[in-house]
Amino acid sequence: MERLHLSVNTICNHIQKIRYKFNAHSKLQAVATAVREGILDPHRGAGS
């Protein structure tokens, strides 16, 4: 398995941009919106 080498700052930046696009005030709200819109499948595990 290959690993990505990303800094914490890069990850925080991406999370902030995702929250902005979903107009979410928290990561949980962004995830809930993604599930509701069908962008994220809650039944599929990480790395599947």
Protein backbone atom coordinates (compact mmCIF):
# COMPACT_ATOMS: atom_id res chain seq x y z
CA MET A 1 0.00 0.00 0.00
CA GLU A 2 1.32 3.45 -0.91
CA ARG A 3 1.27 6.27 1.61
CA LEU A 4 0.66 9.93 0.99
CA HIS A 5 3.03 12.32 2.70
CA LEU A 6 0.88 15.31 3.63
CA SER A 7 1.51 17.87 6.33
CA VAL A 8 -1.03 18.56 9.06
CA ASN A 9 -1.39 22.06 7.63
CA THR A 10 -2.34 20.64 4.21
CA ILE A 11 -4.98 18.38 5.76
CA CYS A 12 -6.45 21.27 7.79
CA ASN A 13 -6.53 23.40 4.65
CA HIS A 14 -8.50 20.74 2.73
CA ILE A 15 -10.94 20.26 5.60
CA GLN A 16 -11.53 24.00 5.80
CA LYS A 17 -12.23 24.19 2.04
CA ILE A 18 -14.66 21.26 2.21
CA ARG A 19 -16.51 22.86 5.14
CA TYR A 20 -16.73 26.13 3.19
CA LYS A 21 -18.14 24.40 0.09
CA PHE A 22 -20.81 22.67 2.19
CA ASN A 23 -21.44 25.84 4.23
CA ALA A 24 -20.82 23.68 7.31
CA HIS A 25 -19.85 24.95 10.74
CA SER A 26 -18.19 21.68 11.76
CA LYS A 27 -16.64 18.57 10.26
CA LEU A 28 -19.63 16.56 11.49
CA GLN A 29 -22.03 18.89 9.68
CA ALA A 30 -19.94 18.57 6.49
CA VAL A 31 -20.03 14.76 6.71
CA ALA A 32 -23.79 14.76 7.34
CA THR A 33 -24.33 16.97 4.29
CA ALA A 34 -22.12 14.73 2.13
CA VAL A 35 -24.09 11.65 3.21
CA ARG A 36 -27.44 13.38 2.63
CA GLU A 37 -26.35 14.52 -0.86
CA GLY A 38 -25.11 11.02 -1.76
CA ILE A 39 -21.48 12.14 -2.07
CA LEU A 40 -20.35 9.92 0.80
CA ASP A 41 -21.55 6.35 1.38
CA PRO A 42 -21.79 5.69 5.14
CA HIS A 43 -21.90 1.92 4.56
CA ARG A 44 -18.53 1.82 2.84
CA GLY A 45 -15.60 1.60 5.23
CA ALA A 46 -12.43 3.69 5.01
CA GLY A 47 -9.97 2.24 2.54
CA SER A 48 -12.59 0.02 0.87
